[in-house]
Amino acid sequence: MKQKFDIIESTCVPLPLENVDTDQIIPARFLKATTREEKFFGDNLFRDWRYNADGTPKADFVLNDPRYGGCILVAGKNFGSGSSREHAAWAIAGYGFRVVISSFFADIHKNNELNNFVLPVVVSEAFLQELFDSIAADPKMKVRVDVPAQTVTNLATGRSEKFELNAYKKYCLTNALDDIDYLLENKSKIEQFERNRQG
């Protein structure tokens, strides 16, 4: 969903597992879907971890734990490894996550998140562990992600870190533009460039 990014302050969902691959995020059987409906993919985020074979929720999985919620997912190192399926980013966005925080993302998945209006925030391993510890101590603690300033703050401790964000993607996120929107916004400049080149 296209939404402008500014300052996001939210409780978090912790997933302290390393090497979570895209098949765990959205199993391969869902790649045959003929829909791009966000709810469909969001409902099947972490499907095999989240539900039993009969479709009943697994009580011990974090998305089924009423203590945790919010639009920020805090995940272990090497999030989004494996296949390059964009469906994984669709599922994360469809569930309602706007930010994923980890100490390392697989490059293709990281770009897929950005292209689907989910912000991947890379932090140090020490900061990530502090977030997990803070959430464990108080599931209602909040994190503030300031996109213009490119900072992420653990509001339980007051500690902040800067994060990297490509200037082009930052512009797109803060203005709710996808790549096509950006081109259309610059249509007159592109046309002028073409005219100048032909002249």
N, C-alpha and C. Protein backbone atom coordinates (compact mmCIF):
# COMPACT_ATOMS: atom_id res chain seq x y z
N MET A 1 0.84 -1.19 0.00
CA MET A 1 0.00 0.00 0.00
C MET A 1 0.88 1.24 0.00
N LYS A 2 0.56 2.18 -0.86
CA LYS A 2 1.34 3.41 -0.93
C LYS A 2 0.96 4.32 0.23
N GLN A 3 1.91 4.55 1.11
CA GLN A 3 1.73 5.47 2.22
C GLN A 3 2.98 6.31 2.35
N LYS A 4 2.80 7.57 2.71
CA LYS A 4 3.96 8.42 2.95
C LYS A 4 4.67 8.00 4.22
N PHE A 5 5.98 8.00 4.18
CA PHE A 5 6.79 7.67 5.35
C PHE A 5 7.34 8.96 5.94
N ASP A 6 7.15 9.11 7.23
CA ASP A 6 7.69 10.25 7.94
C ASP A 6 8.31 9.73 9.24
N ILE A 7 7.59 9.89 10.35
CA ILE A 7 8.03 9.30 11.62
C ILE A 7 7.03 8.22 11.99
N ILE A 8 7.53 7.02 12.18
CA ILE A 8 6.69 5.88 12.55
C ILE A 8 7.06 5.49 13.97
N GLU A 9 6.07 5.47 14.83
CA GLU A 9 6.28 5.06 16.23
C GLU A 9 5.30 3.94 16.54
N SER A 10 5.83 2.80 16.96
CA SER A 10 4.97 1.63 17.10
C SER A 10 5.56 0.62 18.07
N THR A 11 4.67 -0.23 18.60
CA THR A 11 5.12 -1.44 19.27
C THR A 11 5.67 -2.38 18.19
N CYS A 12 6.26 -3.48 18.63
CA CYS A 12 6.98 -4.35 17.69
C CYS A 12 6.57 -5.81 17.83
N VAL A 13 6.79 -6.54 16.75
CA VAL A 13 6.65 -7.99 16.75
C VAL A 13 8.06 -8.57 16.65
N PRO A 14 8.51 -9.33 17.66
CA PRO A 14 9.87 -9.86 17.62
C PRO A 14 9.93 -11.24 16.95
N LEU A 15 10.90 -11.41 16.08
CA LEU A 15 11.15 -12.70 15.44
C LEU A 15 12.66 -12.96 15.52
N PRO A 16 13.14 -13.38 16.69
CA PRO A 16 14.59 -13.49 16.91
C PRO A 16 15.19 -14.76 16.31
N LEU A 17 14.94 -14.97 15.03
CA LEU A 17 15.47 -16.13 14.31
C LEU A 17 16.36 -15.64 13.19
N GLU A 18 17.51 -16.28 13.02
CA GLU A 18 18.41 -15.92 11.93
C GLU A 18 18.09 -16.72 10.68
N ASN A 19 18.49 -16.18 9.53
CA ASN A 19 18.37 -16.87 8.25
C ASN A 19 16.93 -17.22 7.88
N VAL A 20 16.01 -16.31 8.18
CA VAL A 20 14.61 -16.52 7.78
C VAL A 20 14.54 -16.29 6.27
N ASP A 21 14.24 -17.36 5.52
CA ASP A 21 14.24 -17.22 4.06
C ASP A 21 12.85 -16.94 3.52
N THR A 22 12.81 -16.62 2.23
CA THR A 22 11.55 -16.19 1.63
C THR A 22 10.52 -17.32 1.57
N ASP A 23 10.97 -18.58 1.58
CA ASP A 23 10.02 -19.70 1.59
C ASP A 23 9.33 -19.81 2.94
N GLN A 24 9.99 -19.37 3.99
CA GLN A 24 9.36 -19.33 5.31
C GLN A 24 8.43 -18.12 5.42
N ILE A 25 8.83 -17.02 4.76
CA ILE A 25 7.99 -15.82 4.78
C ILE A 25 6.68 -16.08 4.03
N ILE A 26 6.78 -16.65 2.84
CA ILE A 26 5.58 -17.04 2.06
C ILE A 26 5.93 -18.32 1.30
N PRO A 27 5.35 -19.46 1.70
CA PRO A 27 5.69 -20.74 1.06
C PRO A 27 5.45 -20.75 -0.44
N ALA A 28 6.23 -21.58 -1.14
CA ALA A 28 6.23 -21.61 -2.60
C ALA A 28 4.86 -21.88 -3.21
N ARG A 29 4.01 -22.62 -2.51
CA ARG A 29 2.69 -22.96 -3.08
C ARG A 29 1.83 -21.73 -3.33
N PHE A 30 2.14 -20.61 -2.65
CA PHE A 30 1.36 -19.39 -2.84
C PHE A 30 1.84 -18.56 -4.03
N LEU A 31 2.94 -18.98 -4.65
CA LEU A 31 3.44 -18.23 -5.80
C LEU A 31 2.55 -18.42 -7.03
N LYS A 32 1.70 -19.44 -6.99
CA LYS A 32 0.79 -19.70 -8.12
C LYS A 32 -0.45 -18.82 -8.06
N ALA A 33 -0.61 -18.07 -7.01
CA ALA A 33 -1.81 -17.24 -6.85
C ALA A 33 -1.95 -16.27 -8.01
N THR A 34 -3.18 -16.07 -8.41
CA THR A 34 -3.45 -15.16 -9.53
C THR A 34 -3.88 -13.78 -9.05
N THR A 35 -3.77 -13.55 -7.76
CA THR A 35 -4.16 -12.26 -7.18
C THR A 35 -2.94 -11.52 -6.67
N ARG A 36 -3.05 -10.20 -6.61
CA ARG A 36 -2.04 -9.38 -5.92
C ARG A 36 -2.67 -8.77 -4.68
N GLU A 37 -3.84 -9.27 -4.29
CA GLU A 37 -4.56 -8.70 -3.16
C GLU A 37 -3.71 -8.78 -1.90
N GLU A 38 -3.50 -7.64 -1.27
CA GLU A 38 -2.63 -7.58 -0.09
C GLU A 38 -3.10 -8.50 1.02
N LYS A 39 -4.40 -8.54 1.25
CA LYS A 39 -4.94 -9.34 2.36
C LYS A 39 -4.62 -10.82 2.16
N PHE A 40 -4.71 -11.30 0.92
CA PHE A 40 -4.43 -12.71 0.66
C PHE A 40 -3.01 -13.07 1.09
N PHE A 41 -2.04 -12.28 0.67
CA PHE A 41 -0.66 -12.58 1.03
C PHE A 41 -0.38 -12.31 2.50
N GLY A 42 -0.97 -11.24 3.03
CA GLY A 42 -0.80 -10.95 4.45
C GLY A 42 -1.36 -12.05 5.33
N ASP A 43 -2.49 -12.62 4.93
CA ASP A 43 -3.10 -13.72 5.69
C ASP A 43 -2.22 -14.96 5.69
N ASN A 44 -1.34 -15.07 4.70
CA ASN A 44 -0.50 -16.26 4.59
C ASN A 44 0.97 -15.99 4.92
N LEU A 45 1.25 -14.82 5.49
CA LEU A 45 2.61 -14.53 5.97
C LEU A 45 3.02 -15.56 7.02
N PHE A 46 4.20 -16.14 6.84
CA PHE A 46 4.71 -17.18 7.75
C PHE A 46 3.69 -18.32 7.93
N ARG A 47 3.02 -18.67 6.84
CA ARG A 47 1.90 -19.62 6.89
C ARG A 47 2.22 -20.89 7.68
N ASP A 48 3.33 -21.54 7.37
CA ASP A 48 3.60 -22.84 7.99
C ASP A 48 4.07 -22.73 9.44
N TRP A 49 4.55 -21.57 9.82
CA TRP A 49 4.89 -21.34 11.23
C TRP A 49 3.67 -20.88 12.02
N ARG A 50 2.76 -20.26 11.31
CA ARG A 50 1.63 -19.58 11.95
C ARG A 50 0.41 -20.47 12.16
N TYR A 51 0.24 -21.47 11.27
CA TYR A 51 -0.96 -22.31 11.32
C TYR A 51 -0.61 -23.80 11.31
N ASN A 52 -1.46 -24.58 11.94
CA ASN A 52 -1.38 -26.03 11.84
C ASN A 52 -1.92 -26.47 10.49
N ALA A 53 -1.75 -27.75 10.17
CA ALA A 53 -2.21 -28.28 8.88
C ALA A 53 -3.72 -28.11 8.69
N ASP A 54 -4.46 -28.12 9.80
CA ASP A 54 -5.92 -27.97 9.70
C ASP A 54 -6.37 -26.51 9.67
N GLY A 55 -5.39 -25.58 9.63
CA GLY A 55 -5.72 -24.15 9.53
C GLY A 55 -5.90 -23.44 10.85
N THR A 56 -5.78 -24.16 11.95
CA THR A 56 -5.90 -23.51 13.26
C THR A 56 -4.60 -22.82 13.62
N PRO A 57 -4.67 -21.67 14.29
CA PRO A 57 -3.45 -20.95 14.64
C PRO A 57 -2.59 -21.70 15.65
N LYS A 58 -1.27 -21.61 15.48
CA LYS A 58 -0.34 -22.18 16.45
C LYS A 58 -0.15 -21.15 17.56
N ALA A 59 -0.56 -21.51 18.75
CA ALA A 59 -0.57 -20.55 19.86
C ALA A 59 0.81 -20.03 20.21
N ASP A 60 1.85 -20.82 19.92
CA ASP A 60 3.20 -20.42 20.34
C ASP A 60 3.94 -19.58 19.29
N PHE A 61 3.26 -19.24 18.16
CA PHE A 61 3.93 -18.40 17.18
C PHE A 61 3.62 -16.94 17.45
N VAL A 62 4.61 -16.09 17.28
CA VAL A 62 4.52 -14.71 17.73
C VAL A 62 3.36 -13.93 17.12
N LEU A 63 3.01 -14.19 15.85
CA LEU A 63 1.91 -13.44 15.24
C LEU A 63 0.56 -13.82 15.85
N ASN A 64 0.53 -14.95 16.57
CA ASN A 64 -0.71 -15.37 17.23
C ASN A 64 -0.70 -15.04 18.72
N ASP A 65 0.33 -14.35 19.17
CA ASP A 65 0.47 -14.00 20.58
C ASP A 65 -0.09 -12.59 20.80
N PRO A 66 -1.17 -12.46 21.55
CA PRO A 66 -1.81 -11.15 21.72
C PRO A 66 -0.95 -10.11 22.42
N ARG A 67 0.16 -10.52 23.01
CA ARG A 67 1.04 -9.55 23.68
C ARG A 67 1.76 -8.66 22.67
N TYR A 68 1.90 -9.16 21.44
CA TYR A 68 2.71 -8.44 20.45
C TYR A 68 1.86 -7.91 19.30
N GLY A 69 2.22 -6.74 18.82
CA GLY A 69 1.52 -6.15 17.69
C GLY A 69 2.26 -4.93 17.21
N GLY A 70 1.66 -4.23 16.28
CA GLY A 70 2.28 -3.03 15.74
C GLY A 70 2.73 -3.23 14.32
N CYS A 71 3.29 -2.18 13.74
CA CYS A 71 3.66 -2.22 12.32
C CYS A 71 5.17 -2.36 12.10
N ILE A 72 5.90 -2.73 13.17
CA ILE A 72 7.35 -2.94 13.06
C ILE A 72 7.68 -4.38 13.39
N LEU A 73 8.34 -5.07 12.46
CA LEU A 73 8.84 -6.42 12.68
C LEU A 73 10.32 -6.33 12.99
N VAL A 74 10.74 -6.92 14.11
CA VAL A 74 12.15 -6.96 14.47
C VAL A 74 12.63 -8.39 14.25
N ALA A 75 13.52 -8.58 13.29
CA ALA A 75 13.90 -9.92 12.85
C ALA A 75 15.39 -10.17 13.02
N GLY A 76 15.74 -11.44 13.11
CA GLY A 76 17.14 -11.82 13.26
C GLY A 76 17.96 -11.59 11.99
N LYS A 77 19.24 -11.82 12.11
CA LYS A 77 20.21 -11.56 11.03
C LYS A 77 19.90 -12.39 9.79
N ASN A 78 20.19 -11.80 8.62
CA ASN A 78 20.04 -12.45 7.32
C ASN A 78 18.58 -12.73 7.00
N PHE A 79 17.77 -11.69 7.11
CA PHE A 79 16.34 -11.81 6.84
C PHE A 79 16.08 -11.73 5.35
N GLY A 80 15.23 -12.63 4.83
CA GLY A 80 14.85 -12.61 3.43
C GLY A 80 15.82 -13.29 2.49
N SER A 81 16.60 -14.23 3.02
CA SER A 81 17.53 -14.98 2.16
C SER A 81 16.73 -15.97 1.32
N GLY A 82 17.41 -16.69 0.43
CA GLY A 82 16.73 -17.67 -0.40
C GLY A 82 16.30 -17.09 -1.72
N SER A 83 15.17 -17.55 -2.23
CA SER A 83 14.73 -17.13 -3.57
C SER A 83 14.36 -15.65 -3.58
N SER A 84 14.29 -15.10 -4.80
CA SER A 84 14.08 -13.66 -4.94
C SER A 84 12.60 -13.29 -5.01
N ARG A 85 11.70 -14.20 -4.69
CA ARG A 85 10.26 -13.96 -4.88
C ARG A 85 9.79 -12.66 -4.24
N GLU A 86 9.17 -11.82 -5.05
CA GLU A 86 8.63 -10.56 -4.55
C GLU A 86 7.43 -10.80 -3.64
N HIS A 87 6.82 -11.97 -3.76
CA HIS A 87 5.66 -12.32 -2.95
C HIS A 87 5.96 -12.20 -1.46
N ALA A 88 7.22 -12.41 -1.08
CA ALA A 88 7.59 -12.30 0.34
C ALA A 88 7.37 -10.87 0.84
N ALA A 89 7.77 -9.90 0.03
CA ALA A 89 7.54 -8.50 0.39
C ALA A 89 6.04 -8.17 0.36
N TRP A 90 5.31 -8.76 -0.60
CA TRP A 90 3.86 -8.54 -0.65
C TRP A 90 3.21 -9.03 0.64
N ALA A 91 3.67 -10.18 1.14
CA ALA A 91 3.08 -10.75 2.36
C ALA A 91 3.37 -9.87 3.58
N ILE A 92 4.60 -9.38 3.68
CA ILE A 92 4.97 -8.51 4.80
C ILE A 92 4.13 -7.23 4.78
N ALA A 93 4.04 -6.62 3.59
CA ALA A 93 3.23 -5.40 3.45
C ALA A 93 1.75 -5.70 3.68
N GLY A 94 1.28 -6.83 3.15
CA GLY A 94 -0.12 -7.19 3.26
C GLY A 94 -0.56 -7.45 4.69
N TYR A 95 0.38 -7.90 5.51
CA TYR A 95 0.06 -8.12 6.92
C TYR A 95 -0.10 -6.80 7.66
N GLY A 96 0.59 -5.78 7.17
CA GLY A 96 0.51 -4.47 7.80
C GLY A 96 1.82 -3.96 8.37
N PHE A 97 2.90 -4.69 8.15
CA PHE A 97 4.20 -4.20 8.60
C PHE A 97 4.67 -3.09 7.66
N ARG A 98 5.14 -2.00 8.24
CA ARG A 98 5.68 -0.89 7.45
C ARG A 98 7.20 -0.82 7.56
N VAL A 99 7.75 -1.44 8.62
CA VAL A 99 9.19 -1.42 8.87
C VAL A 99 9.63 -2.81 9.28
N VAL A 100 10.76 -3.25 8.77
CA VAL A 100 11.42 -4.46 9.26
C VAL A 100 12.81 -4.05 9.70
N ILE A 101 13.16 -4.39 10.94
CA ILE A 101 14.48 -4.07 11.49
C ILE A 101 15.27 -5.36 11.62
N SER A 102 16.50 -5.36 11.11
CA SER A 102 17.39 -6.52 11.23
C SER A 102 18.82 -6.02 11.15
N SER A 103 19.76 -6.91 11.45
CA SER A 103 21.17 -6.52 11.32
C SER A 103 21.71 -6.83 9.93
N PHE A 104 20.94 -7.59 9.14
CA PHE A 104 21.37 -7.87 7.76
C PHE A 104 20.17 -8.39 6.97
N PHE A 105 20.03 -7.88 5.73
CA PHE A 105 18.99 -8.33 4.82
C PHE A 105 19.64 -8.90 3.56
N ALA A 106 19.02 -9.91 2.98
CA ALA A 106 19.42 -10.34 1.64
C ALA A 106 19.11 -9.19 0.68
N ASP A 107 20.04 -8.89 -0.23
CA ASP A 107 19.92 -7.68 -1.07
C ASP A 107 18.65 -7.63 -1.89
N ILE A 108 18.30 -8.73 -2.56
CA ILE A 108 17.12 -8.69 -3.43
C ILE A 108 15.86 -8.49 -2.59
N HIS A 109 15.77 -9.19 -1.47
CA HIS A 109 14.59 -9.03 -0.62
C HIS A 109 14.51 -7.60 -0.07
N LYS A 110 15.65 -7.05 0.28
CA LYS A 110 15.68 -5.67 0.78
C LYS A 110 15.09 -4.71 -0.26
N ASN A 111 15.50 -4.87 -1.52
CA ASN A 111 14.97 -4.01 -2.58
C ASN A 111 13.49 -4.28 -2.84
N ASN A 112 13.09 -5.54 -2.74
CA ASN A 112 11.67 -5.87 -2.91
C ASN A 112 10.82 -5.19 -1.83
N GLU A 113 11.33 -5.16 -0.62
CA GLU A 113 10.60 -4.47 0.45
C GLU A 113 10.45 -2.99 0.11
N LEU A 114 11.54 -2.35 -0.27
CA LEU A 114 11.49 -0.93 -0.60
C LEU A 114 10.50 -0.66 -1.73
N ASN A 115 10.47 -1.54 -2.72
CA ASN A 115 9.57 -1.36 -3.86
C ASN A 115 8.10 -1.58 -3.48
N ASN A 116 7.87 -2.16 -2.32
CA ASN A 116 6.50 -2.43 -1.87
C ASN A 116 6.14 -1.66 -0.61
N PHE A 117 6.82 -0.54 -0.40
CA PHE A 117 6.52 0.39 0.69
C PHE A 117 6.65 -0.27 2.07
N VAL A 118 7.70 -1.07 2.20
CA VAL A 118 8.14 -1.58 3.50
C VAL A 118 9.58 -1.11 3.65
N LEU A 119 9.90 -0.50 4.78
CA LEU A 119 11.23 0.05 4.99
C LEU A 119 12.12 -0.94 5.73
N PRO A 120 13.19 -1.46 5.07
CA PRO A 120 14.14 -2.32 5.78
C PRO A 120 15.19 -1.45 6.48
N VAL A 121 15.30 -1.59 7.78
CA VAL A 121 16.22 -0.79 8.57
C VAL A 121 17.34 -1.70 9.10
N VAL A 122 18.56 -1.41 8.68
CA VAL A 122 19.71 -2.20 9.11
C VAL A 122 20.35 -1.54 10.32
N VAL A 123 20.48 -2.31 11.40
CA VAL A 123 21.08 -1.82 12.64
C VAL A 123 22.24 -2.74 13.03
N SER A 124 23.02 -2.31 14.00
CA SER A 124 24.12 -3.15 14.48
C SER A 124 23.55 -4.36 15.23
N GLU A 125 24.34 -5.41 15.34
CA GLU A 125 23.88 -6.60 16.06
C GLU A 125 23.63 -6.27 17.53
N ALA A 126 24.43 -5.38 18.10
CA ALA A 126 24.23 -5.00 19.51
C ALA A 126 22.91 -4.26 19.69
N PHE A 127 22.58 -3.37 18.77
CA PHE A 127 21.33 -2.62 18.86
C PHE A 127 20.14 -3.57 18.66
N LEU A 128 20.28 -4.50 17.72
CA LEU A 128 19.21 -5.47 17.48
C LEU A 128 18.95 -6.31 18.73
N GLN A 129 20.02 -6.76 19.37
CA GLN A 129 19.85 -7.57 20.59
C GLN A 129 19.20 -6.74 21.69
N GLU A 130 19.56 -5.47 21.77
CA GLU A 130 18.95 -4.60 22.77
C GLU A 130 17.44 -4.47 22.52
N LEU A 131 17.06 -4.38 21.25
CA LEU A 131 15.63 -4.32 20.92
C LEU A 131 14.92 -5.59 21.36
N PHE A 132 15.50 -6.75 21.05
CA PHE A 132 14.89 -8.01 21.48
C PHE A 132 14.76 -8.06 23.00
N ASP A 133 15.79 -7.62 23.70
CA ASP A 133 15.75 -7.62 25.17
C ASP A 133 14.67 -6.68 25.70
N SER A 134 14.56 -5.51 25.09
CA SER A 134 13.57 -4.52 25.53
C SER A 134 12.14 -5.03 25.29
N ILE A 135 11.92 -5.67 24.13
CA ILE A 135 10.60 -6.20 23.82
C ILE A 135 10.24 -7.33 24.77
N ALA A 136 11.23 -8.19 25.08
CA ALA A 136 10.98 -9.29 26.01
C ALA A 136 10.62 -8.76 27.40
N ALA A 137 11.26 -7.66 27.80
CA ALA A 137 10.99 -7.08 29.12
C ALA A 137 9.64 -6.38 29.16
N ASP A 138 9.24 -5.79 28.03
CA ASP A 138 7.96 -5.07 27.97
C ASP A 138 7.43 -5.09 26.53
N PRO A 139 6.50 -6.01 26.22
CA PRO A 139 5.96 -6.11 24.86
C PRO A 139 5.30 -4.82 24.37
N LYS A 140 4.98 -3.90 25.27
CA LYS A 140 4.34 -2.65 24.88
C LYS A 140 5.33 -1.52 24.62
N MET A 141 6.63 -1.82 24.75
CA MET A 141 7.62 -0.79 24.45
C MET A 141 7.53 -0.41 22.97
N LYS A 142 7.97 0.81 22.66
CA LYS A 142 7.86 1.29 21.28
C LYS A 142 9.22 1.65 20.70
N VAL A 143 9.22 1.63 19.39
CA VAL A 143 10.38 2.05 18.60
C VAL A 143 9.94 3.19 17.71
N ARG A 144 10.80 4.20 17.57
CA ARG A 144 10.52 5.31 16.66
C ARG A 144 11.48 5.24 15.49
N VAL A 145 10.92 5.23 14.29
CA VAL A 145 11.72 5.27 13.07
C VAL A 145 11.46 6.61 12.39
N ASP A 146 12.49 7.44 12.37
CA ASP A 146 12.40 8.78 11.79
C ASP A 146 13.03 8.70 10.40
N VAL A 147 12.19 8.63 9.38
CA VAL A 147 12.69 8.45 8.02
C VAL A 147 13.45 9.68 7.52
N PRO A 148 12.92 10.91 7.69
CA PRO A 148 13.71 12.07 7.25
C PRO A 148 15.10 12.14 7.89
N ALA A 149 15.19 11.83 9.17
CA ALA A 149 16.48 11.90 9.87
C ALA A 149 17.28 10.62 9.73
N GLN A 150 16.64 9.56 9.23
CA GLN A 150 17.26 8.23 9.10
C GLN A 150 17.81 7.72 10.43
N THR A 151 16.95 7.79 11.46
CA THR A 151 17.32 7.27 12.77
C THR A 151 16.26 6.31 13.26
N VAL A 152 16.69 5.35 14.05
CA VAL A 152 15.79 4.42 14.72
C VAL A 152 16.12 4.49 16.21
N THR A 153 15.07 4.63 17.04
CA THR A 153 15.27 4.83 18.47
C THR A 153 14.49 3.81 19.27
N ASN A 154 15.18 3.17 20.19
CA ASN A 154 14.54 2.29 21.16
C ASN A 154 14.02 3.20 22.28
N LEU A 155 12.72 3.40 22.33
CA LEU A 155 12.16 4.35 23.30
C LEU A 155 12.22 3.83 24.73
N ALA A 156 12.48 2.54 24.89
CA ALA A 156 12.63 1.98 26.25
C ALA A 156 13.96 2.38 26.87
N THR A 157 14.98 2.55 26.02
CA THR A 157 16.31 2.88 26.53
C THR A 157 16.78 4.27 26.10
N GLY A 158 16.14 4.82 25.08
CA GLY A 158 16.56 6.12 24.55
C GLY A 158 17.70 6.03 23.56
N ARG A 159 18.18 4.82 23.30
CA ARG A 159 19.32 4.68 22.40
C ARG A 159 18.88 4.73 20.95
N SER A 160 19.68 5.40 20.12
CA SER A 160 19.36 5.55 18.69
C SER A 160 20.53 5.09 17.83
N GLU A 161 20.21 4.73 16.60
CA GLU A 161 21.22 4.48 15.58
C GLU A 161 20.75 5.11 14.27
N LYS A 162 21.72 5.50 13.46
CA LYS A 162 21.42 5.97 12.10
C LYS A 162 21.31 4.75 11.19
N PHE A 163 20.51 4.86 10.15
CA PHE A 163 20.44 3.78 9.17
C PHE A 163 20.59 4.35 7.77
N GLU A 164 21.09 3.53 6.87
CA GLU A 164 21.31 3.93 5.48
C GLU A 164 19.99 3.85 4.71
N LEU A 165 19.80 4.80 3.80
CA LEU A 165 18.64 4.77 2.91
C LEU A 165 19.00 5.53 1.64
N ASN A 166 18.95 4.84 0.53
CA ASN A 166 19.22 5.42 -0.78
C ASN A 166 18.38 6.68 -0.98
N ALA A 167 18.99 7.75 -1.47
CA ALA A 167 18.30 9.04 -1.59
C ALA A 167 17.07 8.95 -2.49
N TYR A 168 17.17 8.17 -3.56
CA TYR A 168 16.03 8.02 -4.47
C TYR A 168 14.87 7.32 -3.76
N LYS A 169 15.18 6.21 -3.06
CA LYS A 169 14.13 5.47 -2.36
C LYS A 169 13.55 6.30 -1.21
N LYS A 170 14.39 7.09 -0.57
CA LYS A 170 13.91 7.96 0.49
C LYS A 170 12.90 8.95 -0.07
N TYR A 171 13.22 9.54 -1.21
CA TYR A 171 12.29 10.49 -1.84
C TYR A 171 10.97 9.80 -2.18
N CYS A 172 11.07 8.59 -2.74
CA CYS A 172 9.86 7.86 -3.11
C CYS A 172 9.02 7.51 -1.89
N LEU A 173 9.65 7.03 -0.83
CA LEU A 173 8.90 6.64 0.37
C LEU A 173 8.25 7.85 1.04
N THR A 174 8.98 8.95 1.13
CA THR A 174 8.43 10.11 1.83
C THR A 174 7.35 10.82 1.02
N ASN A 175 7.25 10.47 -0.27
CA ASN A 175 6.22 11.07 -1.12
C ASN A 175 5.21 10.05 -1.64
N ALA A 176 5.30 8.81 -1.13
CA ALA A 176 4.38 7.73 -1.54
C ALA A 176 4.37 7.53 -3.05
N LEU A 177 5.57 7.43 -3.63
CA LEU A 177 5.71 7.24 -5.07
C LEU A 177 6.36 5.89 -5.36
N ASP A 178 5.80 5.14 -6.30
CA ASP A 178 6.55 4.00 -6.80
C ASP A 178 7.36 4.46 -8.01
N ASP A 179 8.06 3.52 -8.66
CA ASP A 179 8.95 3.92 -9.75
C ASP A 179 8.19 4.57 -10.91
N ILE A 180 7.00 4.05 -11.21
CA ILE A 180 6.20 4.63 -12.30
C ILE A 180 5.71 6.03 -11.92
N ASP A 181 5.25 6.17 -10.68
CA ASP A 181 4.82 7.50 -10.21
C ASP A 181 5.95 8.52 -10.35
N TYR A 182 7.16 8.07 -9.99
CA TYR A 182 8.32 8.98 -10.06
C TYR A 182 8.57 9.42 -11.50
N LEU A 183 8.49 8.47 -12.42
CA LEU A 183 8.69 8.82 -13.84
C LEU A 183 7.61 9.78 -14.32
N LEU A 184 6.37 9.53 -13.93
CA LEU A 184 5.28 10.41 -14.34
C LEU A 184 5.45 11.81 -13.75
N GLU A 185 5.95 11.87 -12.51
CA GLU A 185 6.19 13.16 -11.87
C GLU A 185 7.22 13.96 -12.65
N ASN A 186 8.13 13.25 -13.31
CA ASN A 186 9.21 13.91 -14.05
C ASN A 186 9.01 13.86 -15.56
N LYS A 187 7.78 13.58 -15.97
CA LYS A 187 7.49 13.42 -17.40
C LYS A 187 7.92 14.64 -18.22
N SER A 188 7.61 15.83 -17.73
CA SER A 188 7.94 17.04 -18.51
C SER A 188 9.46 17.20 -18.65
N LYS A 189 10.20 16.85 -17.60
CA LYS A 189 11.67 16.96 -17.67
C LYS A 189 12.23 15.94 -18.66
N ILE A 190 11.65 14.74 -18.66
CA ILE A 190 12.10 13.71 -19.59
C ILE A 190 11.82 14.13 -21.03
N GLU A 191 10.62 14.68 -21.25
CA GLU A 191 10.26 15.13 -22.59
C GLU A 191 11.15 16.28 -23.06
N GLN A 192 11.48 17.19 -22.12
CA GLN A 192 12.37 18.30 -22.46
C GLN A 192 13.76 17.79 -22.81
N PHE A 193 14.24 16.82 -22.06
CA PHE A 193 15.54 16.22 -22.33
C PHE A 193 15.57 15.60 -23.73
N GLU A 194 14.48 14.90 -24.09
CA GLU A 194 14.41 14.26 -25.41
C GLU A 194 14.38 15.32 -26.51
N ARG A 195 13.64 16.39 -26.28
CA ARG A 195 13.59 17.47 -27.27
C ARG A 195 14.97 18.10 -27.47
N ASN A 196 15.67 18.33 -26.37
CA ASN A 196 17.00 18.93 -26.45
C ASN A 196 17.98 18.01 -27.18
N ARG A 197 17.83 16.72 -26.95
CA ARG A 197 18.72 15.76 -27.58
C ARG A 197 18.50 15.70 -29.08
N GLN A 198 17.24 15.83 -29.48
CA GLN A 198 16.91 15.74 -30.91
C GLN A 198 17.23 17.06 -31.62
N GLY A 199 17.25 18.14 -30.84
CA GLY A 199 17.47 19.45 -31.45
C GLY A 199 18.91 19.64 -31.80
